[in-house]
């Protein structure tokens, strides 16, 4: 099962800022790209909105991407359609929003209808050739996505079986190259992460360090190892999504050369009759 080891260390690549601003059309393109990296079980088009659903596990796979016009219907009618769509699937209606969403006034309209704001998240990118990789030297094992490596990925997450099964399904549906990076310290799993390469982009997901190993450069090493793996496959850019409240992770990624291009957030209609959500993780 083991394929190779890499060392996340080396050439002190300098920190760079990729961009200072992005246009609304670019934000929409990034959001559509990111949705391909985390494919939901069901994808529905409603006018020019995209509705995702996957058993209520992860908001990214159970929310609306609204990046187009409504073709003659009112905003209120469109929102009511979304509410009914998710209610019939016993999942709280949710929108994944940015400043580029359409039509204008959507966020305010959702607020008026009782949708509450959750999980402000930063979308960060870096050029892979400029990601800073220096000490410490921690060996990172790179594995293909298999039953065993997925079991490792969910090690000590505390997720219920359904939550793990749905996430497995999402990862198995991902197209392109994918791998799981793992750090062991004294024989124990210390950190993990999922890397996905599509075209020239690396998507970084589920990067975490177990609490007892924090402060040892584990997440840094996992990120670097995935960048090295992706660069070997021809990837030139990397992106990740990190919650705005996670200050340590943001500081880490910025020190490595990642820059925030924009932020997104969710508007969620909670406590809807018949709705049930199993996971609030993004």
C-alpha atoms as a PDB file:
ATOM      1  CA  UNK A   1       0.000   0.000   0.000  1.00  0.00           C
ATOM      2  CA  UNK A   2       2.832   2.433   0.777  1.00  0.00           C
ATOM      3  CA  UNK A   3       3.992   4.234  -2.348  1.00  0.00           C
ATOM      4  CA  UNK A   4       6.709   6.681  -1.419  1.00  0.00           C
ATOM      5  CA  UNK A   5       7.972   9.074   1.221  1.00  0.00           C
ATOM      6  CA  UNK A   6       8.828  12.720   0.714  1.00  0.00           C
ATOM      7  CA  UNK A   7      10.418  15.228   3.042  1.00  0.00           C
ATOM      8  CA  UNK A   8       8.634  18.524   3.404  1.00  0.00           C
ATOM      9  CA  UNK A   9      11.745  20.606   3.567  1.00  0.00           C
ATOM     10  CA  UNK A  10      14.174  22.259   1.291  1.00  0.00           C
ATOM     11  CA  UNK A  11      14.664  25.373  -0.663  1.00  0.00           C
ATOM     12  CA  UNK A  12      13.181  28.245   1.359  1.00  0.00           C
ATOM     13  CA  UNK A  13      10.922  29.333  -1.470  1.00  0.00           C
ATOM     14  CA  UNK A  14       9.969  32.934  -0.849  1.00  0.00           C
ATOM     15  CA  UNK A  15       6.505  34.028   0.189  1.00  0.00           C
ATOM     16  CA  UNK A  16       4.614  35.774  -2.584  1.00  0.00           C
ATOM     17  CA  UNK A  17       1.221  37.389  -2.881  1.00  0.00           C
ATOM     18  CA  UNK A  18      -0.672  35.862  -5.778  1.00  0.00           C
ATOM     19  CA  UNK A  19      -3.190  38.638  -6.288  1.00  0.00           C
ATOM     20  CA  UNK A  20      -4.523  41.561  -4.330  1.00  0.00           C
ATOM     21  CA  UNK A  21      -7.987  41.559  -5.908  1.00  0.00           C
ATOM     22  CA  UNK A  22     -10.143  39.248  -7.988  1.00  0.00           C
ATOM     23  CA  UNK A  23     -13.122  40.118 -10.130  1.00  0.00           C
ATOM     24  CA  UNK A  24     -16.634  38.841  -9.513  1.00  0.00           C
ATOM     25  CA  UNK A  25     -16.412  36.638 -12.602  1.00  0.00           C
ATOM     26  CA  UNK A  26     -13.174  35.118 -11.295  1.00  0.00           C
ATOM     27  CA  UNK A  27     -14.794  34.423  -7.920  1.00  0.00           C
ATOM     28  CA  UNK A  28     -17.609  32.592  -9.694  1.00  0.00           C
ATOM     29  CA  UNK A  29     -15.071  30.551 -11.665  1.00  0.00           C
ATOM     30  CA  UNK A  30     -13.187  29.617  -8.498  1.00  0.00           C
ATOM     31  CA  UNK A  31     -16.405  28.548  -6.786  1.00  0.00           C
ATOM     32  CA  UNK A  32     -17.466  26.394  -9.714  1.00  0.00           C
ATOM     33  CA  UNK A  33     -14.002  24.848  -9.872  1.00  0.00           C
ATOM     34  CA  UNK A  34     -14.000  24.097  -6.142  1.00  0.00           C
ATOM     35  CA  UNK A  35     -17.364  22.341  -6.423  1.00  0.00           C
ATOM     36  CA  UNK A  36     -15.799  19.874  -8.883  1.00  0.00           C
ATOM     37  CA  UNK A  37     -13.186  18.998  -6.263  1.00  0.00           C
ATOM     38  CA  UNK A  38     -15.892  18.030  -3.713  1.00  0.00           C
ATOM     39  CA  UNK A  39     -18.644  16.364  -5.799  1.00  0.00           C
ATOM     40  CA  UNK A  40     -22.059  15.915  -4.231  1.00  0.00           C
ATOM     41  CA  UNK A  41     -24.235  12.880  -4.868  1.00  0.00           C
ATOM     42  CA  UNK A  42     -26.967  15.000  -6.483  1.00  0.00           C
ATOM     43  CA  UNK A  43     -26.470  18.098  -8.641  1.00  0.00           C
ATOM     44  CA  UNK A  44     -29.517  19.986  -9.921  1.00  0.00           C
ATOM     45  CA  UNK A  45     -29.796  23.093 -12.098  1.00  0.00           C
ATOM     46  CA  UNK A  46     -32.522  25.590 -11.266  1.00  0.00           C
ATOM     47  CA  UNK A  47     -32.489  28.414 -13.785  1.00  0.00           C
ATOM     48  CA  UNK A  48     -28.804  29.369 -13.469  1.00  0.00           C
ATOM     49  CA  UNK A  49     -28.373  28.307  -9.871  1.00  0.00           C
ATOM     50  CA  UNK A  50     -26.731  24.989  -8.968  1.00  0.00           C
ATOM     51  CA  UNK A  51     -28.205  22.956  -6.095  1.00  0.00           C
ATOM     52  CA  UNK A  52     -26.074  20.303  -4.404  1.00  0.00           C
ATOM     53  CA  UNK A  53     -27.256  17.591  -2.044  1.00  0.00           C
ATOM     54  CA  UNK A  54     -25.544  14.662  -0.340  1.00  0.00           C
ATOM     55  CA  UNK A  55     -27.403  13.311   2.689  1.00  0.00           C
ATOM     56  CA  UNK A  56     -26.894  16.475   4.724  1.00  0.00           C
ATOM     57  CA  UNK A  57     -23.175  15.802   5.235  1.00  0.00           C
ATOM     58  CA  UNK A  58     -20.877  18.830   4.741  1.00  0.00           C
ATOM     59  CA  UNK A  59     -22.397  22.144   3.764  1.00  0.00           C
ATOM     60  CA  UNK A  60     -20.302  22.327   0.597  1.00  0.00           C
ATOM     61  CA  UNK A  61     -22.182  19.299  -0.727  1.00  0.00           C
ATOM     62  CA  UNK A  62     -25.588  20.472   0.561  1.00  0.00           C
ATOM     63  CA  UNK A  63     -26.005  24.061  -0.556  1.00  0.00           C
ATOM     64  CA  UNK A  64     -26.750  26.319  -3.514  1.00  0.00           C
ATOM     65  CA  UNK A  65     -24.213  28.078  -5.735  1.00  0.00           C
ATOM     66  CA  UNK A  66     -26.145  31.109  -7.039  1.00  0.00           C
ATOM     67  CA  UNK A  67     -24.083  32.595  -9.883  1.00  0.00           C
ATOM     68  CA  UNK A  68     -26.605  33.439 -12.562  1.00  0.00           C
ATOM     69  CA  UNK A  69     -29.888  35.111 -13.350  1.00  0.00           C
ATOM     70  CA  UNK A  70     -33.319  33.707 -12.611  1.00  0.00           C
ATOM     71  CA  UNK A  71     -34.743  33.953 -16.142  1.00  0.00           C
ATOM     72  CA  UNK A  72     -38.000  35.708 -15.463  1.00  0.00           C
ATOM     73  CA  UNK A  73     -38.984  34.452 -12.018  1.00  0.00           C
ATOM     74  CA  UNK A  74     -38.795  36.504  -8.852  1.00  0.00           C
ATOM     75  CA  UNK A  75     -36.096  36.130  -6.226  1.00  0.00           C
ATOM     76  CA  UNK A  76     -38.746  35.170  -3.682  1.00  0.00           C
ATOM     77  CA  UNK A  77     -39.993  32.353  -5.930  1.00  0.00           C
ATOM     78  CA  UNK A  78     -36.453  31.058  -6.392  1.00  0.00           C
ATOM     79  CA  UNK A  79     -35.761  31.030  -2.659  1.00  0.00           C
ATOM     80  CA  UNK A  80     -39.025  29.208  -1.987  1.00  0.00           C
ATOM     81  CA  UNK A  81     -38.055  26.595  -4.580  1.00  0.00           C
ATOM     82  CA  UNK A  82     -34.750  26.036  -2.778  1.00  0.00           C
ATOM     83  CA  UNK A  83     -36.489  25.726   0.580  1.00  0.00           C
ATOM     84  CA  UNK A  84     -38.833  23.071  -0.788  1.00  0.00           C
ATOM     85  CA  UNK A  85     -35.969  21.240  -2.534  1.00  0.00           C
ATOM     86  CA  UNK A  86     -34.049  20.758   0.707  1.00  0.00           C
ATOM     87  CA  UNK A  87     -37.111  20.237   2.893  1.00  0.00           C
ATOM     88  CA  UNK A  88     -38.140  17.233   0.809  1.00  0.00           C
ATOM     89  CA  UNK A  89     -34.659  15.820   1.491  1.00  0.00           C
ATOM     90  CA  UNK A  90     -34.901  16.562   5.222  1.00  0.00           C
ATOM     91  CA  UNK A  91     -31.919  18.911   5.040  1.00  0.00           C
ATOM     92  CA  UNK A  92     -31.839  22.567   6.125  1.00  0.00           C
ATOM     93  CA  UNK A  93     -31.900  24.888   3.093  1.00  0.00           C
ATOM     94  CA  UNK A  94     -28.490  26.503   2.642  1.00  0.00           C
ATOM     95  CA  UNK A  95     -26.755  28.913   0.273  1.00  0.00           C
ATOM     96  CA  UNK A  96     -22.983  29.225  -0.177  1.00  0.00           C
ATOM     97  CA  UNK A  97     -22.451  32.926  -0.783  1.00  0.00           C
ATOM     98  CA  UNK A  98     -19.784  35.381  -1.891  1.00  0.00           C
ATOM     99  CA  UNK A  99     -19.894  39.004  -2.951  1.00  0.00           C
ATOM    100  CA  UNK A 100     -20.232  37.773  -6.547  1.00  0.00           C
ATOM    101  CA  UNK A 101     -23.536  35.928  -6.077  1.00  0.00           C
ATOM    102  CA  UNK A 102     -26.525  36.782  -8.230  1.00  0.00           C
ATOM    103  CA  UNK A 103     -28.973  38.318  -8.273  1.00  0.00           C
ATOM    104  CA  UNK A 104     -27.864  41.320  -6.262  1.00  0.00           C
ATOM    105  CA  UNK A 105     -29.614  41.586  -2.938  1.00  0.00           C
ATOM    106  CA  UNK A 106     -29.708  37.824  -2.414  1.00  0.00           C
ATOM    107  CA  UNK A 107     -27.912  37.887   0.937  1.00  0.00           C
ATOM    108  CA  UNK A 108     -30.261  40.553   2.286  1.00  0.00           C
ATOM    109  CA  UNK A 109     -33.312  38.670   1.013  1.00  0.00           C
ATOM    110  CA  UNK A 110     -32.156  35.486   2.726  1.00  0.00           C
ATOM    111  CA  UNK A 111     -31.608  37.384   5.964  1.00  0.00           C
ATOM    112  CA  UNK A 112     -35.179  38.678   5.821  1.00  0.00           C
ATOM    113  CA  UNK A 113     -36.440  35.130   5.372  1.00  0.00           C
ATOM    114  CA  UNK A 114     -34.650  33.936   8.500  1.00  0.00           C
ATOM    115  CA  UNK A 115     -31.501  32.426   7.006  1.00  0.00           C
ATOM    116  CA  UNK A 116     -28.649  32.878   9.476  1.00  0.00           C
ATOM    117  CA  UNK A 117     -25.006  33.445   8.613  1.00  0.00           C
ATOM    118  CA  UNK A 118     -22.521  30.672   9.392  1.00  0.00           C
ATOM    119  CA  UNK A 119     -18.907  29.681   8.805  1.00  0.00           C
ATOM    120  CA  UNK A 120     -17.181  32.622   7.204  1.00  0.00           C
ATOM    121  CA  UNK A 121     -14.418  30.908   5.244  1.00  0.00           C
ATOM    122  CA  UNK A 122     -11.368  32.187   3.378  1.00  0.00           C
ATOM    123  CA  UNK A 123     -10.551  30.942  -0.117  1.00  0.00           C
ATOM    124  CA  UNK A 124      -6.775  30.989  -0.411  1.00  0.00           C
ATOM    125  CA  UNK A 125      -4.438  30.250  -3.302  1.00  0.00           C
ATOM    126  CA  UNK A 126      -0.720  30.036  -3.979  1.00  0.00           C
ATOM    127  CA  UNK A 127       1.535  29.257  -6.890  1.00  0.00           C
ATOM    128  CA  UNK A 128       2.991  25.849  -6.100  1.00  0.00           C
ATOM    129  CA  UNK A 129       6.478  26.886  -7.169  1.00  0.00           C
ATOM    130  CA  UNK A 130       6.390  29.698  -4.606  1.00  0.00           C
ATOM    131  CA  UNK A 131       5.140  27.741  -1.585  1.00  0.00           C
ATOM    132  CA  UNK A 132       7.665  28.111   1.213  1.00  0.00           C
ATOM    133  CA  UNK A 133       9.070  24.760   2.333  1.00  0.00           C
ATOM    134  CA  UNK A 134      11.853  24.828   4.915  1.00  0.00           C
ATOM    135  CA  UNK A 135      12.596  23.137   8.270  1.00  0.00           C
ATOM    136  CA  UNK A 136      11.532  21.029  10.171  1.00  0.00           C
ATOM    137  CA  UNK A 137      12.179  17.762   8.333  1.00  0.00           C
ATOM    138  CA  UNK A 138       9.227  15.488   9.011  1.00  0.00           C
ATOM    139  CA  UNK A 139       8.693  12.439   6.824  1.00  0.00           C
ATOM    140  CA  UNK A 140       5.317  12.325   5.102  1.00  0.00           C
ATOM    141  CA  UNK A 141       3.922   9.143   3.573  1.00  0.00           C
ATOM    142  CA  UNK A 142       1.858   9.499   0.407  1.00  0.00           C
ATOM    143  CA  UNK A 143      -0.826   6.884  -0.299  1.00  0.00           C
ATOM    144  CA  UNK A 144      -3.323   6.234  -3.033  1.00  0.00           C
ATOM    145  CA  UNK A 145      -6.951   6.566  -1.958  1.00  0.00           C
ATOM    146  CA  UNK A 146      -7.922   3.092  -0.729  1.00  0.00           C
ATOM    147  CA  UNK A 147     -10.152   1.682   1.987  1.00  0.00           C
ATOM    148  CA  UNK A 148      -7.220   1.668   4.409  1.00  0.00           C
ATOM    149  CA  UNK A 149      -5.952   5.158   3.607  1.00  0.00           C
ATOM    150  CA  UNK A 150      -9.486   6.543   3.938  1.00  0.00           C
ATOM    151  CA  UNK A 151      -9.762   4.832   7.307  1.00  0.00           C
ATOM    152  CA  UNK A 152      -6.561   6.638   8.290  1.00  0.00           C
ATOM    153  CA  UNK A 153      -7.926   9.965   6.984  1.00  0.00           C
ATOM    154  CA  UNK A 154     -10.875   9.758   9.381  1.00  0.00           C
ATOM    155  CA  UNK A 155      -8.755   8.555  12.308  1.00  0.00           C
ATOM    156  CA  UNK A 156      -9.974  10.086  15.577  1.00  0.00           C
ATOM    157  CA  UNK A 157     -12.351  12.532  13.881  1.00  0.00           C
ATOM    158  CA  UNK A 158     -15.239  11.471  16.089  1.00  0.00           C
ATOM    159  CA  UNK A 159     -17.492  11.260  13.022  1.00  0.00           C
ATOM    160  CA  UNK A 160     -20.441   8.880  13.088  1.00  0.00           C
ATOM    161  CA  UNK A 161     -20.495   6.041  10.553  1.00  0.00           C
ATOM    162  CA  UNK A 162     -22.942   7.825   8.228  1.00  0.00           C
ATOM    163  CA  UNK A 163     -20.786  10.932   8.203  1.00  0.00           C
ATOM    164  CA  UNK A 164     -17.727   8.877   7.275  1.00  0.00           C
ATOM    165  CA  UNK A 165     -19.599   6.866   4.637  1.00  0.00           C
ATOM    166  CA  UNK A 166     -20.865   9.995   2.868  1.00  0.00           C
ATOM    167  CA  UNK A 167     -17.424  11.577   2.928  1.00  0.00           C
ATOM    168  CA  UNK A 168     -15.966   8.370   1.518  1.00  0.00           C
ATOM    169  CA  UNK A 169     -18.484   8.570  -1.308  1.00  0.00           C
ATOM    170  CA  UNK A 170     -17.551  12.170  -2.060  1.00  0.00           C
ATOM    171  CA  UNK A 171     -13.838  11.357  -2.144  1.00  0.00           C
ATOM    172  CA  UNK A 172     -14.396   8.271  -4.296  1.00  0.00           C
ATOM    173  CA  UNK A 173     -16.352  10.398  -6.819  1.00  0.00           C
ATOM    174  CA  UNK A 174     -13.536  12.919  -7.156  1.00  0.00           C
ATOM    175  CA  UNK A 175     -12.063  12.863 -10.639  1.00  0.00           C
ATOM    176  CA  UNK A 176      -8.383  13.385 -11.346  1.00  0.00           C
ATOM    177  CA  UNK A 177      -5.402  12.419  -9.226  1.00  0.00           C
ATOM    178  CA  UNK A 178      -5.921  12.124  -5.482  1.00  0.00           C
ATOM    179  CA  UNK A 179      -3.851  10.977  -2.550  1.00  0.00           C
ATOM    180  CA  UNK A 180      -3.770  10.941   1.228  1.00  0.00           C
ATOM    181  CA  UNK A 181      -0.747  12.261   3.103  1.00  0.00           C
ATOM    182  CA  UNK A 182       0.049  10.903   6.559  1.00  0.00           C
ATOM    183  CA  UNK A 183       2.586  11.766   9.227  1.00  0.00           C
ATOM    184  CA  UNK A 184       3.490   9.273  11.933  1.00  0.00           C
ATOM    185  CA  UNK A 185       5.510  10.159  15.015  1.00  0.00           C
ATOM    186  CA  UNK A 186       6.853   7.287  17.117  1.00  0.00           C
ATOM    187  CA  UNK A 187       4.516   4.947  15.264  1.00  0.00           C
ATOM    188  CA  UNK A 188       1.373   6.986  15.937  1.00  0.00           C
ATOM    189  CA  UNK A 189      -0.673   8.968  13.412  1.00  0.00           C
ATOM    190  CA  UNK A 190       0.073  12.651  14.002  1.00  0.00           C
ATOM    191  CA  UNK A 191      -1.417  14.368  10.972  1.00  0.00           C
ATOM    192  CA  UNK A 192      -3.281  13.792   7.722  1.00  0.00           C
ATOM    193  CA  UNK A 193      -4.465  15.527   4.590  1.00  0.00           C
ATOM    194  CA  UNK A 194      -6.156  14.927   1.248  1.00  0.00           C
ATOM    195  CA  UNK A 195      -4.751  16.242  -2.018  1.00  0.00           C
ATOM    196  CA  UNK A 196      -6.591  16.396  -5.346  1.00  0.00           C
ATOM    197  CA  UNK A 197      -5.131  17.441  -8.703  1.00  0.00           C
ATOM    198  CA  UNK A 198      -7.373  18.446 -11.586  1.00  0.00           C
ATOM    199  CA  UNK A 199      -5.850  20.143 -14.620  1.00  0.00           C
ATOM    200  CA  UNK A 200      -3.188  22.469 -13.181  1.00  0.00           C
ATOM    201  CA  UNK A 201      -4.775  22.913  -9.752  1.00  0.00           C
ATOM    202  CA  UNK A 202      -4.124  21.218  -6.418  1.00  0.00           C
ATOM    203  CA  UNK A 203      -6.992  21.229  -3.940  1.00  0.00           C
ATOM    204  CA  UNK A 204      -6.065  20.741  -0.279  1.00  0.00           C
ATOM    205  CA  UNK A 205      -8.676  19.212   2.027  1.00  0.00           C
ATOM    206  CA  UNK A 206      -9.034  17.817   5.542  1.00  0.00           C
ATOM    207  CA  UNK A 207      -5.557  18.858   6.647  1.00  0.00           C
ATOM    208  CA  UNK A 208      -5.343  18.377  10.391  1.00  0.00           C
ATOM    209  CA  UNK A 209      -2.955  17.654  13.201  1.00  0.00           C
ATOM    210  CA  UNK A 210      -3.981  15.518  16.147  1.00  0.00           C
ATOM    211  CA  UNK A 211      -4.051  17.689  19.288  1.00  0.00           C
ATOM    212  CA  UNK A 212      -1.132  16.015  21.041  1.00  0.00           C
ATOM    213  CA  UNK A 213       1.181  16.741  18.084  1.00  0.00           C
ATOM    214  CA  UNK A 214       0.368  20.387  17.460  1.00  0.00           C
ATOM    215  CA  UNK A 215       3.248  22.823  17.269  1.00  0.00           C
ATOM    216  CA  UNK A 216       5.626  20.316  15.700  1.00  0.00           C
ATOM    217  CA  UNK A 217       5.235  21.333  12.054  1.00  0.00           C
ATOM    218  CA  UNK A 218       2.949  18.444  11.139  1.00  0.00           C
ATOM    219  CA  UNK A 219       0.344  20.377   9.115  1.00  0.00           C
ATOM    220  CA  UNK A 220       3.120  22.372   7.467  1.00  0.00           C
ATOM    221  CA  UNK A 221       4.848  19.143   6.422  1.00  0.00           C
ATOM    222  CA  UNK A 222       1.628  17.573   5.123  1.00  0.00           C
ATOM    223  CA  UNK A 223       0.883  20.676   3.046  1.00  0.00           C
ATOM    224  CA  UNK A 224       4.393  20.775   1.599  1.00  0.00           C
ATOM    225  CA  UNK A 225       4.365  17.072   0.791  1.00  0.00           C
ATOM    226  CA  UNK A 226       1.067  17.402  -1.066  1.00  0.00           C
ATOM    227  CA  UNK A 227       2.441  20.392  -2.983  1.00  0.00           C
ATOM    228  CA  UNK A 228       5.524  18.382  -4.009  1.00  0.00           C
ATOM    229  CA  UNK A 229       3.314  15.457  -5.069  1.00  0.00           C
ATOM    230  CA  UNK A 230       1.064  17.771  -7.103  1.00  0.00           C
ATOM    231  CA  UNK A 231       3.962  19.581  -8.755  1.00  0.00           C
ATOM    232  CA  UNK A 232       5.256  16.219  -9.993  1.00  0.00           C
ATOM    233  CA  UNK A 233       1.859  15.781 -11.692  1.00  0.00           C
ATOM    234  CA  UNK A 234       2.075  19.151 -13.433  1.00  0.00           C
ATOM    235  CA  UNK A 235      -0.004  21.267 -11.043  1.00  0.00           C
ATOM    236  CA  UNK A 236       0.975  24.934 -10.959  1.00  0.00           C
ATOM    237  CA  UNK A 237      -1.451  26.404  -8.417  1.00  0.00           C
ATOM    238  CA  UNK A 238      -2.990  25.320  -5.126  1.00  0.00           C
ATOM    239  CA  UNK A 239      -6.128  26.326  -3.267  1.00  0.00           C
ATOM    240  CA  UNK A 240      -7.576  25.642   0.145  1.00  0.00           C
ATOM    241  CA  UNK A 241     -10.521  26.774   2.234  1.00  0.00           C
ATOM    242  CA  UNK A 242     -10.010  27.695   5.873  1.00  0.00           C
ATOM    243  CA  UNK A 243     -12.540  29.036   8.365  1.00  0.00           C
ATOM    244  CA  UNK A 244     -11.903  32.655   9.317  1.00  0.00           C
ATOM    245  CA  UNK A 245     -11.914  31.759  13.024  1.00  0.00           C
ATOM    246  CA  UNK A 246      -9.026  29.310  12.598  1.00  0.00           C
ATOM    247  CA  UNK A 247      -6.267  31.850  13.227  1.00  0.00           C
ATOM    248  CA  UNK A 248      -3.413  29.325  13.689  1.00  0.00           C
ATOM    249  CA  UNK A 249      -4.160  27.662  10.347  1.00  0.00           C
ATOM    250  CA  UNK A 250      -4.447  31.018   8.577  1.00  0.00           C
ATOM    251  CA  UNK A 251      -1.093  32.114  10.000  1.00  0.00           C
ATOM    252  CA  UNK A 252       0.475  28.837   8.866  1.00  0.00           C
ATOM    253  CA  UNK A 253      -0.851  29.044   5.325  1.00  0.00           C
ATOM    254  CA  UNK A 254       0.060  32.705   4.944  1.00  0.00           C
ATOM    255  CA  UNK A 255       3.599  31.945   6.106  1.00  0.00           C
ATOM    256  CA  UNK A 256       3.793  29.339   3.346  1.00  0.00           C
ATOM    257  CA  UNK A 257       2.751  31.773   0.636  1.00  0.00           C
ATOM    258  CA  UNK A 258      -1.022  31.398   0.479  1.00  0.00           C
ATOM    259  CA  UNK A 259      -3.082  34.538  -0.019  1.00  0.00           C
ATOM    260  CA  UNK A 260      -6.760  35.102   0.659  1.00  0.00           C
ATOM    261  CA  UNK A 261      -8.533  35.948  -2.587  1.00  0.00           C
ATOM    262  CA  UNK A 262     -12.033  36.272  -1.145  1.00  0.00           C
ATOM    263  CA  UNK A 263     -14.309  34.926   1.556  1.00  0.00           C
ATOM    264  CA  UNK A 264     -17.502  32.937   1.434  1.00  0.00           C
ATOM    265  CA  UNK A 265     -20.142  32.128   4.011  1.00  0.00           C
ATOM    266  CA  UNK A 266     -23.326  30.116   4.362  1.00  0.00           C
ATOM    267  CA  UNK A 267     -26.883  31.300   4.863  1.00  0.00           C
ATOM    268  CA  UNK A 268     -28.794  28.458   6.501  1.00  0.00           C
ATOM    269  CA  UNK A 269     -32.484  28.212   7.350  1.00  0.00           C
ATOM    270  CA  UNK A 270     -32.383  26.287  10.586  1.00  0.00           C
ATOM    271  CA  UNK A 271     -35.124  24.377  12.384  1.00  0.00           C
ATOM    272  CA  UNK A 272     -37.238  23.941   9.279  1.00  0.00           C
ATOM    273  CA  UNK A 273     -40.066  21.405   9.747  1.00  0.00           C
ATOM    274  CA  UNK A 274     -38.914  17.973   8.640  1.00  0.00           C
ATOM    275  CA  UNK A 275     -35.301  19.044   8.224  1.00  0.00           C
ATOM    276  CA  UNK A 276     -32.413  17.188   9.733  1.00  0.00           C
ATOM    277  CA  UNK A 277     -28.702  17.814   9.427  1.00  0.00           C
ATOM    278  CA  UNK A 278     -26.173  15.219  10.495  1.00  0.00           C
ATOM    279  CA  UNK A 279     -23.074  17.376  10.233  1.00  0.00           C
ATOM    280  CA  UNK A 280     -22.326  21.074  10.416  1.00  0.00           C
ATOM    281  CA  UNK A 281     -18.766  20.692   9.160  1.00  0.00           C
ATOM    282  CA  UNK A 282     -18.041  22.749   6.070  1.00  0.00           C
END
